[in-house]
Amino acid sequence: MEYVHCIKRTLDYIEENLQEPLTLEQLAEVAQFSPFHFHRVFQAMVGESVMDYVRKRRITQAAERLFYSNDKVIDIAFDVGFQYHESFNRAFKKYYGVSPKSYRNAQQLSGPLRGKAYLPANLESGGFTMEPKMITKPAFHLIGYGLKTKNQDGQNNQDIPEFWQQYINNQLGLNIPKPLNKNVELGVCTDFSPETGEFVYVIGMEVKEGTDTPEGMVYKSFPELDYAVFTTPEADEESFPSTIQSTWNYIFTEWFPQSSYEHRGTLDFELYDERCYGTENKQMDIYIPIQPSIKKA
């Protein structure tokens, strides 16, 4: 079954059930994916997390009713799936910049403001085809610096680059005790909550099991897993970040749909080593834990 069809079916289901309680697990079942894999595929194809998309579609539907009807604000809030009037007001103001009442009373509006999210076309891969290496990575242990963030409203896309900048500028890697390879740094996404979009991002290095963890750092252990390892195309300093993002998109919009695998969950990580030094021909690796796909025919 094509991934685009699976996500389109989910989008249709959301539109038909905005007034009902919706959970990530429920929508993953509609798409016939595991919850974690569904979350990653949906975000890659639609451009935002599934629950963020649901929230914005509810607010958009509410805005249309505020403009076209005289229904009470509280009735509209309940009808589009918000359980509390206060949470509806906060979400609406965050998205449109005004309260629901102010939106309705704004005489200068010639039509409702619409917040839309469309299913985008597959990523253009720029003429290259990536064939990942399939490896089994033994259990490993990491010490580094952790940041709690979420993939709602693009918060992680702002938090993580700032976190890396702080790590580099302050040379925090020098504080990691007894790294197995001081020239290899990992950026690990873990402890993920699909329902809220929250996860922990850790920048660190591999260490021996049980290495003492200095104050202010975190210690993480990960089990042996099978990984698909994608190496980004060579890029200069300026285009390196966009090449990394394009590779992530390629993984979820092109490679996974054509493979017999899905994301296993629990973590994924980026590996930065000597190939990232200098300003030309920069490359890095993306490690995706995989398992046989559970999607149904």
C-alpha atoms as a PDB file:
ATOM      1  CA  MET A   1       0.000   0.000   0.000  1.00  0.00           C
ATOM      2  CA  GLU A   2       1.406   3.370  -1.005  1.00  0.00           C
ATOM      3  CA  TYR A   3       2.452   5.682   1.808  1.00  0.00           C
ATOM      4  CA  VAL A   4       0.746   8.664   0.157  1.00  0.00           C
ATOM      5  CA  HIS A   5      -2.535   6.759   0.150  1.00  0.00           C
ATOM      6  CA  CYS A   6      -2.100   5.830   3.818  1.00  0.00           C
ATOM      7  CA  ILE A   7      -1.513   9.442   4.849  1.00  0.00           C
ATOM      8  CA  LYS A   8      -4.306  10.720   2.589  1.00  0.00           C
ATOM      9  CA  ARG A   9      -6.703   8.265   4.232  1.00  0.00           C
ATOM     10  CA  THR A  10      -5.659   9.604   7.614  1.00  0.00           C
ATOM     11  CA  LEU A  11      -6.167  13.215   6.512  1.00  0.00           C
ATOM     12  CA  ASP A  12      -9.671  12.340   5.325  1.00  0.00           C
ATOM     13  CA  TYR A  13     -10.405  10.611   8.621  1.00  0.00           C
ATOM     14  CA  ILE A  14      -9.243  13.678  10.551  1.00  0.00           C
ATOM     15  CA  GLU A  15     -11.527  15.949   8.526  1.00  0.00           C
ATOM     16  CA  GLU A  16     -14.500  13.672   9.148  1.00  0.00           C
ATOM     17  CA  ASN A  17     -13.854  13.369  12.891  1.00  0.00           C
ATOM     18  CA  LEU A  18     -12.489  16.728  14.049  1.00  0.00           C
ATOM     19  CA  GLN A  19     -15.254  16.988  16.630  1.00  0.00           C
ATOM     20  CA  GLU A  20     -14.298  13.613  18.156  1.00  0.00           C
ATOM     21  CA  PRO A  21     -11.365  12.828  20.479  1.00  0.00           C
ATOM     22  CA  LEU A  22      -8.389  11.893  18.321  1.00  0.00           C
ATOM     23  CA  THR A  23      -5.153  10.268  19.455  1.00  0.00           C
ATOM     24  CA  LEU A  24      -1.959   9.474  17.633  1.00  0.00           C
ATOM     25  CA  GLU A  25      -2.441   5.761  18.287  1.00  0.00           C
ATOM     26  CA  GLN A  26      -5.940   5.894  16.777  1.00  0.00           C
ATOM     27  CA  LEU A  27      -4.737   7.731  13.662  1.00  0.00           C
ATOM     28  CA  ALA A  28      -1.773   5.371  13.293  1.00  0.00           C
ATOM     29  CA  GLU A  29      -4.255   2.499  13.182  1.00  0.00           C
ATOM     30  CA  VAL A  30      -6.142   4.264  10.387  1.00  0.00           C
ATOM     31  CA  ALA A  31      -2.872   4.574   8.452  1.00  0.00           C
ATOM     32  CA  GLN A  32      -1.938   0.980   9.398  1.00  0.00           C
ATOM     33  CA  PHE A  33       1.474   1.943  10.774  1.00  0.00           C
ATOM     34  CA  SER A  34       3.026   1.657  14.194  1.00  0.00           C
ATOM     35  CA  PRO A  35       2.512   4.919  16.147  1.00  0.00           C
ATOM     36  CA  PHE A  36       6.162   6.010  16.075  1.00  0.00           C
ATOM     37  CA  HIS A  37       6.622   5.292  12.379  1.00  0.00           C
ATOM     38  CA  PHE A  38       3.325   6.976  11.544  1.00  0.00           C
ATOM     39  CA  HIS A  39       4.389  10.094  13.435  1.00  0.00           C
ATOM     40  CA  ARG A  40       7.650  10.361  11.503  1.00  0.00           C
ATOM     41  CA  VAL A  41       6.104   9.645   8.093  1.00  0.00           C
ATOM     42  CA  PHE A  42       3.231  12.077   8.635  1.00  0.00           C
ATOM     43  CA  GLN A  43       5.568  14.868   9.692  1.00  0.00           C
ATOM     44  CA  ALA A  44       7.883  14.292   6.721  1.00  0.00           C
ATOM     45  CA  MET A  45       5.029  14.290   4.202  1.00  0.00           C
ATOM     46  CA  VAL A  46       2.722  16.945   5.651  1.00  0.00           C
ATOM     47  CA  GLY A  47       5.347  19.208   7.181  1.00  0.00           C
ATOM     48  CA  GLU A  48       4.173  19.154  10.797  1.00  0.00           C
ATOM     49  CA  SER A  49       3.346  16.661  13.523  1.00  0.00           C
ATOM     50  CA  VAL A  50       0.012  14.902  13.284  1.00  0.00           C
ATOM     51  CA  MET A  51      -1.432  16.267  16.540  1.00  0.00           C
ATOM     52  CA  ASP A  52      -0.285  19.779  15.649  1.00  0.00           C
ATOM     53  CA  TYR A  53      -2.032  19.343  12.315  1.00  0.00           C
ATOM     54  CA  VAL A  54      -5.225  18.214  14.064  1.00  0.00           C
ATOM     55  CA  ARG A  55      -5.104  21.225  16.371  1.00  0.00           C
ATOM     56  CA  LYS A  56      -4.630  23.661  13.491  1.00  0.00           C
ATOM     57  CA  ARG A  57      -7.424  22.095  11.434  1.00  0.00           C
ATOM     58  CA  ARG A  58      -9.757  22.387  14.425  1.00  0.00           C
ATOM     59  CA  ILE A  59      -8.853  26.030  14.881  1.00  0.00           C
ATOM     60  CA  THR A  60      -9.307  26.670  11.166  1.00  0.00           C
ATOM     61  CA  GLN A  61     -12.761  25.088  11.210  1.00  0.00           C
ATOM     62  CA  ALA A  62     -13.624  27.168  14.273  1.00  0.00           C
ATOM     63  CA  ALA A  63     -12.504  30.346  12.480  1.00  0.00           C
ATOM     64  CA  GLU A  64     -14.824  29.590   9.582  1.00  0.00           C
ATOM     65  CA  ARG A  65     -17.785  29.158  11.918  1.00  0.00           C
ATOM     66  CA  LEU A  66     -16.904  32.319  13.834  1.00  0.00           C
ATOM     67  CA  PHE A  67     -17.004  34.240  10.584  1.00  0.00           C
ATOM     68  CA  TYR A  68     -20.009  32.636   8.939  1.00  0.00           C
ATOM     69  CA  SER A  69     -22.310  31.903  11.896  1.00  0.00           C
ATOM     70  CA  ASN A  70     -23.645  33.449  15.088  1.00  0.00           C
ATOM     71  CA  ASP A  71     -23.004  30.316  17.140  1.00  0.00           C
ATOM     72  CA  LYS A  72     -21.659  30.860  20.639  1.00  0.00           C
ATOM     73  CA  VAL A  73     -17.886  30.687  20.969  1.00  0.00           C
ATOM     74  CA  ILE A  74     -18.108  28.013  23.642  1.00  0.00           C
ATOM     75  CA  ASP A  75     -20.341  25.844  21.426  1.00  0.00           C
ATOM     76  CA  ILE A  76     -17.910  26.175  18.533  1.00  0.00           C
ATOM     77  CA  ALA A  77     -14.991  25.226  20.786  1.00  0.00           C
ATOM     78  CA  PHE A  78     -16.723  22.042  21.933  1.00  0.00           C
ATOM     79  CA  ASP A  79     -17.934  21.164  18.443  1.00  0.00           C
ATOM     80  CA  VAL A  80     -14.421  21.226  16.981  1.00  0.00           C
ATOM     81  CA  GLY A  81     -12.984  18.978  19.677  1.00  0.00           C
ATOM     82  CA  PHE A  82     -11.714  21.300  22.421  1.00  0.00           C
ATOM     83  CA  GLN A  83     -12.769  20.117  25.866  1.00  0.00           C
ATOM     84  CA  TYR A  84     -12.140  23.438  27.620  1.00  0.00           C
ATOM     85  CA  HIS A  85     -13.073  26.972  26.624  1.00  0.00           C
ATOM     86  CA  GLU A  86      -9.801  28.362  28.008  1.00  0.00           C
ATOM     87  CA  SER A  87      -7.597  25.976  26.031  1.00  0.00           C
ATOM     88  CA  PHE A  88      -9.524  26.869  22.861  1.00  0.00           C
ATOM     89  CA  ASN A  89      -9.004  30.593  23.474  1.00  0.00           C
ATOM     90  CA  ARG A  90      -5.259  30.113  24.039  1.00  0.00           C
ATOM     91  CA  ALA A  91      -4.806  27.938  20.956  1.00  0.00           C
ATOM     92  CA  PHE A  92      -6.860  30.257  18.754  1.00  0.00           C
ATOM     93  CA  LYS A  93      -4.982  33.368  19.858  1.00  0.00           C
ATOM     94  CA  LYS A  94      -1.634  31.654  19.365  1.00  0.00           C
ATOM     95  CA  TYR A  95      -2.529  30.726  15.792  1.00  0.00           C
ATOM     96  CA  TYR A  96      -4.408  33.857  14.645  1.00  0.00           C
ATOM     97  CA  GLY A  97      -2.994  36.499  16.995  1.00  0.00           C
ATOM     98  CA  VAL A  98      -6.406  37.561  18.334  1.00  0.00           C
ATOM     99  CA  SER A  99      -9.041  36.036  20.587  1.00  0.00           C
ATOM    100  CA  PRO A 100     -12.022  34.239  18.999  1.00  0.00           C
ATOM    101  CA  LYS A 101     -14.308  37.109  19.992  1.00  0.00           C
ATOM    102  CA  SER A 102     -11.964  39.733  18.502  1.00  0.00           C
ATOM    103  CA  TYR A 103     -11.675  37.677  15.338  1.00  0.00           C
ATOM    104  CA  ARG A 104     -15.442  37.606  14.951  1.00  0.00           C
ATOM    105  CA  ASN A 105     -15.788  41.329  15.649  1.00  0.00           C
ATOM    106  CA  ALA A 106     -13.026  42.429  13.284  1.00  0.00           C
ATOM    107  CA  GLN A 107     -15.094  44.288  10.695  1.00  0.00           C
ATOM    108  CA  GLN A 108     -12.121  44.822   8.400  1.00  0.00           C
ATOM    109  CA  LEU A 109     -11.851  41.139   7.617  1.00  0.00           C
ATOM    110  CA  SER A 110     -13.120  40.434   4.126  1.00  0.00           C
ATOM    111  CA  GLY A 111     -12.997  36.689   4.629  1.00  0.00           C
ATOM    112  CA  PRO A 112     -11.874  34.108   7.177  1.00  0.00           C
ATOM    113  CA  LEU A 113      -8.190  33.594   7.738  1.00  0.00           C
ATOM    114  CA  ARG A 114      -7.436  30.040   6.778  1.00  0.00           C
ATOM    115  CA  GLY A 115      -4.771  27.842   8.272  1.00  0.00           C
ATOM    116  CA  LYS A 116      -4.197  25.006   5.850  1.00  0.00           C
ATOM    117  CA  ALA A 117      -1.823  22.103   5.628  1.00  0.00           C
ATOM    118  CA  TYR A 118      -1.616  20.132   2.401  1.00  0.00           C
ATOM    119  CA  LEU A 119      -0.016  16.827   1.557  1.00  0.00           C
ATOM    120  CA  PRO A 120       3.154  17.900  -0.288  1.00  0.00           C
ATOM    121  CA  ALA A 121       4.690  16.187  -3.295  1.00  0.00           C
ATOM    122  CA  ASN A 122       7.510  13.777  -2.637  1.00  0.00           C
ATOM    123  CA  LEU A 123      10.897  15.325  -2.034  1.00  0.00           C
ATOM    124  CA  GLU A 124      12.936  15.978  -5.143  1.00  0.00           C
ATOM    125  CA  SER A 125      16.149  14.148  -4.414  1.00  0.00           C
ATOM    126  CA  GLY A 126      18.290  16.300  -6.679  1.00  0.00           C
ATOM    127  CA  GLY A 127      19.341  13.446  -8.937  1.00  0.00           C
ATOM    128  CA  PHE A 128      20.994  11.243  -6.342  1.00  0.00           C
ATOM    129  CA  THR A 129      19.787   7.931  -4.996  1.00  0.00           C
ATOM    130  CA  MET A 130      20.787   6.875  -1.509  1.00  0.00           C
ATOM    131  CA  GLU A 131      21.351   3.241  -0.710  1.00  0.00           C
ATOM    132  CA  PRO A 132      21.798   2.877   3.032  1.00  0.00           C
ATOM    133  CA  LYS A 133      24.192   0.503   4.696  1.00  0.00           C
ATOM    134  CA  MET A 134      22.433  -2.107   6.808  1.00  0.00           C
ATOM    135  CA  ILE A 135      24.310  -2.709  10.042  1.00  0.00           C
ATOM    136  CA  THR A 136      23.776  -4.165  13.479  1.00  0.00           C
ATOM    137  CA  LYS A 137      25.210  -1.759  16.018  1.00  0.00           C
ATOM    138  CA  PRO A 138      26.032  -3.299  19.399  1.00  0.00           C
ATOM    139  CA  ALA A 139      24.680  -1.754  22.574  1.00  0.00           C
ATOM    140  CA  PHE A 140      26.372   1.556  23.309  1.00  0.00           C
ATOM    141  CA  HIS A 141      26.577   4.113  26.069  1.00  0.00           C
ATOM    142  CA  LEU A 142      26.646   7.880  25.793  1.00  0.00           C
ATOM    143  CA  ILE A 143      27.529  10.828  27.999  1.00  0.00           C
ATOM    144  CA  GLY A 144      26.614  14.317  26.914  1.00  0.00           C
ATOM    145  CA  TYR A 145      24.274  17.246  27.296  1.00  0.00           C
ATOM    146  CA  GLY A 146      20.514  16.842  27.083  1.00  0.00           C
ATOM    147  CA  LEU A 147      17.811  19.190  25.872  1.00  0.00           C
ATOM    148  CA  LYS A 148      14.070  18.596  26.204  1.00  0.00           C
ATOM    149  CA  THR A 149      12.177  19.978  23.231  1.00  0.00           C
ATOM    150  CA  LYS A 150       9.129  19.217  21.084  1.00  0.00           C
ATOM    151  CA  ASN A 151       8.336  19.074  17.401  1.00  0.00           C
ATOM    152  CA  GLN A 152       5.323  21.344  17.728  1.00  0.00           C
ATOM    153  CA  ASP A 153       5.246  24.602  15.744  1.00  0.00           C
ATOM    154  CA  GLY A 154       8.826  23.900  14.644  1.00  0.00           C
ATOM    155  CA  GLN A 155      10.183  24.364  18.165  1.00  0.00           C
ATOM    156  CA  ASN A 156      12.803  21.628  17.766  1.00  0.00           C
ATOM    157  CA  ASN A 157      14.056  23.197  14.519  1.00  0.00           C
ATOM    158  CA  GLN A 158      14.923  26.289  16.524  1.00  0.00           C
ATOM    159  CA  ASP A 159      16.032  24.657  19.786  1.00  0.00           C
ATOM    160  CA  ILE A 160      18.427  22.045  18.391  1.00  0.00           C
ATOM    161  CA  PRO A 161      20.573  24.333  16.169  1.00  0.00           C
ATOM    162  CA  GLU A 162      20.852  26.784  19.092  1.00  0.00           C
ATOM    163  CA  PHE A 163      21.825  23.859  21.353  1.00  0.00           C
ATOM    164  CA  TRP A 164      24.556  22.770  18.920  1.00  0.00           C
ATOM    165  CA  GLN A 165      25.825  26.348  18.667  1.00  0.00           C
ATOM    166  CA  GLN A 166      26.098  26.557  22.438  1.00  0.00           C
ATOM    167  CA  TYR A 167      27.839  23.167  22.550  1.00  0.00           C
ATOM    168  CA  ILE A 168      30.397  24.213  19.906  1.00  0.00           C
ATOM    169  CA  ASN A 169      31.002  27.760  21.125  1.00  0.00           C
ATOM    170  CA  ASN A 170      31.599  26.650  24.710  1.00  0.00           C
ATOM    171  CA  GLN A 171      33.641  23.576  23.664  1.00  0.00           C
ATOM    172  CA  LEU A 172      31.444  21.417  25.878  1.00  0.00           C
ATOM    173  CA  GLY A 173      32.728  18.237  24.257  1.00  0.00           C
ATOM    174  CA  LEU A 174      35.995  18.696  26.137  1.00  0.00           C
ATOM    175  CA  ASN A 175      34.108  18.027  29.386  1.00  0.00           C
ATOM    176  CA  ILE A 176      32.950  14.532  28.396  1.00  0.00           C
ATOM    177  CA  PRO A 177      34.992  11.997  30.394  1.00  0.00           C
ATOM    178  CA  LYS A 178      37.016   9.299  28.620  1.00  0.00           C
ATOM    179  CA  PRO A 179      35.254   9.269  25.227  1.00  0.00           C
ATOM    180  CA  LEU A 180      35.936   6.184  23.118  1.00  0.00           C
ATOM    181  CA  ASN A 181      36.559   8.458  20.132  1.00  0.00           C
ATOM    182  CA  LYS A 182      36.858  12.191  20.782  1.00  0.00           C
ATOM    183  CA  ASN A 183      36.451  12.913  17.061  1.00  0.00           C
ATOM    184  CA  VAL A 184      32.976  11.346  16.846  1.00  0.00           C
ATOM    185  CA  GLU A 185      29.961  13.179  18.244  1.00  0.00           C
ATOM    186  CA  LEU A 186      26.383  11.960  18.228  1.00  0.00           C
ATOM    187  CA  GLY A 187      23.139  13.913  18.166  1.00  0.00           C
ATOM    188  CA  VAL A 188      20.556  11.508  19.564  1.00  0.00           C
ATOM    189  CA  CYS A 189      16.750  11.856  19.606  1.00  0.00           C
ATOM    190  CA  THR A 190      15.313   9.686  22.362  1.00  0.00           C
ATOM    191  CA  ASP A 191      12.639   9.422  25.065  1.00  0.00           C
ATOM    192  CA  PHE A 192      10.064  10.419  22.490  1.00  0.00           C
ATOM    193  CA  SER A 193       6.392  10.936  23.318  1.00  0.00           C
ATOM    194  CA  PRO A 194       4.383  10.717  20.055  1.00  0.00           C
ATOM    195  CA  GLU A 195       1.249  12.065  21.716  1.00  0.00           C
ATOM    196  CA  THR A 196       2.820  15.330  22.927  1.00  0.00           C
ATOM    197  CA  GLY A 197       5.693  15.602  20.441  1.00  0.00           C
ATOM    198  CA  GLU A 198       8.184  15.983  23.296  1.00  0.00           C
ATOM    199  CA  PHE A 199      11.557  14.267  23.169  1.00  0.00           C
ATOM    200  CA  VAL A 200      15.078  14.549  24.554  1.00  0.00           C
ATOM    201  CA  TYR A 201      17.932  15.514  22.251  1.00  0.00           C
ATOM    202  CA  VAL A 202      21.393  14.575  23.509  1.00  0.00           C
ATOM    203  CA  ILE A 203      24.712  15.774  22.099  1.00  0.00           C
ATOM    204  CA  GLY A 204      27.513  13.579  23.325  1.00  0.00           C
ATOM    205  CA  MET A 205      30.122  10.871  22.764  1.00  0.00           C
ATOM    206  CA  GLU A 206      30.260   7.143  23.286  1.00  0.00           C
ATOM    207  CA  VAL A 207      31.860   5.985  26.533  1.00  0.00           C
ATOM    208  CA  LYS A 208      32.417   2.692  28.319  1.00  0.00           C
ATOM    209  CA  GLU A 209      29.500   1.300  30.260  1.00  0.00           C
ATOM    210  CA  GLY A 210      29.276   2.703  33.769  1.00  0.00           C
ATOM    211  CA  THR A 211      31.526   5.728  33.186  1.00  0.00           C
ATOM    212  CA  ASP A 212      30.936   8.286  35.927  1.00  0.00           C
ATOM    213  CA  THR A 213      28.699  11.102  34.726  1.00  0.00           C
ATOM    214  CA  PRO A 214      29.755  14.647  35.676  1.00  0.00           C
ATOM    215  CA  GLU A 215      27.160  16.959  37.167  1.00  0.00           C
ATOM    216  CA  GLY A 216      25.044  18.670  34.548  1.00  0.00           C
ATOM    217  CA  MET A 217      25.443  15.884  31.980  1.00  0.00           C
ATOM    218  CA  VAL A 218      23.317  12.869  31.114  1.00  0.00           C
ATOM    219  CA  TYR A 219      24.195   9.196  30.697  1.00  0.00           C
ATOM    220  CA  LYS A 220      22.203   7.092  28.229  1.00  0.00           C
ATOM    221  CA  SER A 221      22.421   3.415  27.293  1.00  0.00           C
ATOM    222  CA  PHE A 222      20.959   1.957  24.115  1.00  0.00           C
ATOM    223  CA  PRO A 223      20.489  -1.712  23.163  1.00  0.00           C
ATOM    224  CA  GLU A 224      21.827  -3.548  20.138  1.00  0.00           C
ATOM    225  CA  LEU A 225      19.674  -2.696  17.126  1.00  0.00           C
ATOM    226  CA  ASP A 226      19.584  -3.058  13.362  1.00  0.00           C
ATOM    227  CA  TYR A 227      20.093   0.272  11.571  1.00  0.00           C
ATOM    228  CA  ALA A 228      19.808   1.677   8.092  1.00  0.00           C
ATOM    229  CA  VAL A 229      22.680   4.170   7.814  1.00  0.00           C
ATOM    230  CA  PHE A 230      22.349   7.029   5.319  1.00  0.00           C
ATOM    231  CA  THR A 231      25.358   9.139   4.340  1.00  0.00           C
ATOM    232  CA  THR A 232      24.560  12.667   3.190  1.00  0.00           C
ATOM    233  CA  PRO A 233      25.898  13.854  -0.191  1.00  0.00           C
ATOM    234  CA  GLU A 234      29.049  15.958  -0.093  1.00  0.00           C
ATOM    235  CA  ALA A 235      28.290  19.624   0.545  1.00  0.00           C
ATOM    236  CA  ASP A 236      30.022  22.885   1.329  1.00  0.00           C
ATOM    237  CA  GLU A 237      29.631  24.766   4.611  1.00  0.00           C
ATOM    238  CA  GLU A 238      26.651  26.795   3.454  1.00  0.00           C
ATOM    239  CA  SER A 239      24.567  23.973   2.007  1.00  0.00           C
ATOM    240  CA  PHE A 240      25.479  21.313   4.603  1.00  0.00           C
ATOM    241  CA  PRO A 241      22.476  21.953   6.925  1.00  0.00           C
ATOM    242  CA  SER A 242      19.963  21.867   4.071  1.00  0.00           C
ATOM    243  CA  THR A 243      21.560  18.671   2.725  1.00  0.00           C
ATOM    244  CA  ILE A 244      21.057  17.022   6.116  1.00  0.00           C
ATOM    245  CA  GLN A 245      17.395  18.048   6.165  1.00  0.00           C
ATOM    246  CA  SER A 246      16.915  16.837   2.597  1.00  0.00           C
ATOM    247  CA  THR A 247      18.352  13.477   3.571  1.00  0.00           C
ATOM    248  CA  TRP A 248      15.908  13.171   6.472  1.00  0.00           C
ATOM    249  CA  ASN A 249      13.052  13.974   4.101  1.00  0.00           C
ATOM    250  CA  TYR A 250      14.358  11.479   1.544  1.00  0.00           C
ATOM    251  CA  ILE A 251      14.376   8.738   4.179  1.00  0.00           C
ATOM    252  CA  PHE A 252      10.713   9.154   5.069  1.00  0.00           C
ATOM    253  CA  THR A 253       9.199  10.235   1.752  1.00  0.00           C
ATOM    254  CA  GLU A 254      11.126   8.034  -0.670  1.00  0.00           C
ATOM    255  CA  TRP A 255      13.176   5.295   0.956  1.00  0.00           C
ATOM    256  CA  PHE A 256      10.752   3.955   3.565  1.00  0.00           C
ATOM    257  CA  PRO A 257       7.785   3.796   1.126  1.00  0.00           C
ATOM    258  CA  GLN A 258       9.857   1.653  -1.254  1.00  0.00           C
ATOM    259  CA  SER A 259      11.389  -0.539   1.442  1.00  0.00           C
ATOM    260  CA  SER A 260       9.998  -3.383   3.519  1.00  0.00           C
ATOM    261  CA  TYR A 261      10.977  -1.644   6.760  1.00  0.00           C
ATOM    262  CA  GLU A 262       9.638   0.919   9.172  1.00  0.00           C
ATOM    263  CA  HIS A 263      11.165   2.937  11.986  1.00  0.00           C
ATOM    264  CA  ARG A 264      11.600   0.862  15.119  1.00  0.00           C
ATOM    265  CA  GLY A 265      11.159   3.782  17.470  1.00  0.00           C
ATOM    266  CA  THR A 266      13.116   4.420  20.687  1.00  0.00           C
ATOM    267  CA  LEU A 267      15.839   6.590  19.102  1.00  0.00           C
ATOM    268  CA  ASP A 268      17.613   7.738  15.991  1.00  0.00           C
ATOM    269  CA  PHE A 269      20.831   9.684  15.727  1.00  0.00           C
ATOM    270  CA  GLU A 270      23.217  11.685  13.592  1.00  0.00           C
ATOM    271  CA  LEU A 271      26.929  10.889  13.588  1.00  0.00           C
ATOM    272  CA  TYR A 272      29.464  13.675  13.049  1.00  0.00           C
ATOM    273  CA  ASP A 273      33.145  12.803  12.590  1.00  0.00           C
ATOM    274  CA  GLU A 274      36.248  14.000  10.717  1.00  0.00           C
ATOM    275  CA  ARG A 275      34.234  14.299   7.497  1.00  0.00           C
ATOM    276  CA  CYS A 276      32.541  17.372   9.001  1.00  0.00           C
ATOM    277  CA  TYR A 277      35.807  19.277   9.402  1.00  0.00           C
ATOM    278  CA  GLY A 278      36.680  22.064   6.981  1.00  0.00           C
ATOM    279  CA  THR A 279      34.329  23.904   4.656  1.00  0.00           C
ATOM    280  CA  GLU A 280      34.169  21.607   1.601  1.00  0.00           C
ATOM    281  CA  ASN A 281      32.992  18.033   0.934  1.00  0.00           C
ATOM    282  CA  LYS A 282      31.246  17.785   4.296  1.00  0.00           C
ATOM    283  CA  GLN A 283      29.301  14.607   5.100  1.00  0.00           C
ATOM    284  CA  MET A 284      27.657  12.899   8.068  1.00  0.00           C
ATOM    285  CA  ASP A 285      25.636   9.744   8.778  1.00  0.00           C
ATOM    286  CA  ILE A 286      22.025   9.322   9.890  1.00  0.00           C
ATOM    287  CA  TYR A 287      21.270   6.107  11.801  1.00  0.00           C
ATOM    288  CA  ILE A 288      17.663   4.883  11.635  1.00  0.00           C
ATOM    289  CA  PRO A 289      16.685   1.800  13.682  1.00  0.00           C
ATOM    290  CA  ILE A 290      14.561  -0.470  11.518  1.00  0.00           C
ATOM    291  CA  GLN A 291      12.222  -3.423  11.778  1.00  0.00           C
ATOM    292  CA  PRO A 292      10.040  -5.251   9.239  1.00  0.00           C
ATOM    293  CA  SER A 293       7.032  -3.149   8.267  1.00  0.00           C
ATOM    294  CA  ILE A 294       3.731  -4.005   9.922  1.00  0.00           C
ATOM    295  CA  LYS A 295       1.599  -2.099   7.401  1.00  0.00           C
ATOM    296  CA  LYS A 296      -1.126  -4.221   5.910  1.00  0.00           C
ATOM    297  CA  ALA A 297      -1.652  -4.930   2.255  1.00  0.00           C
END
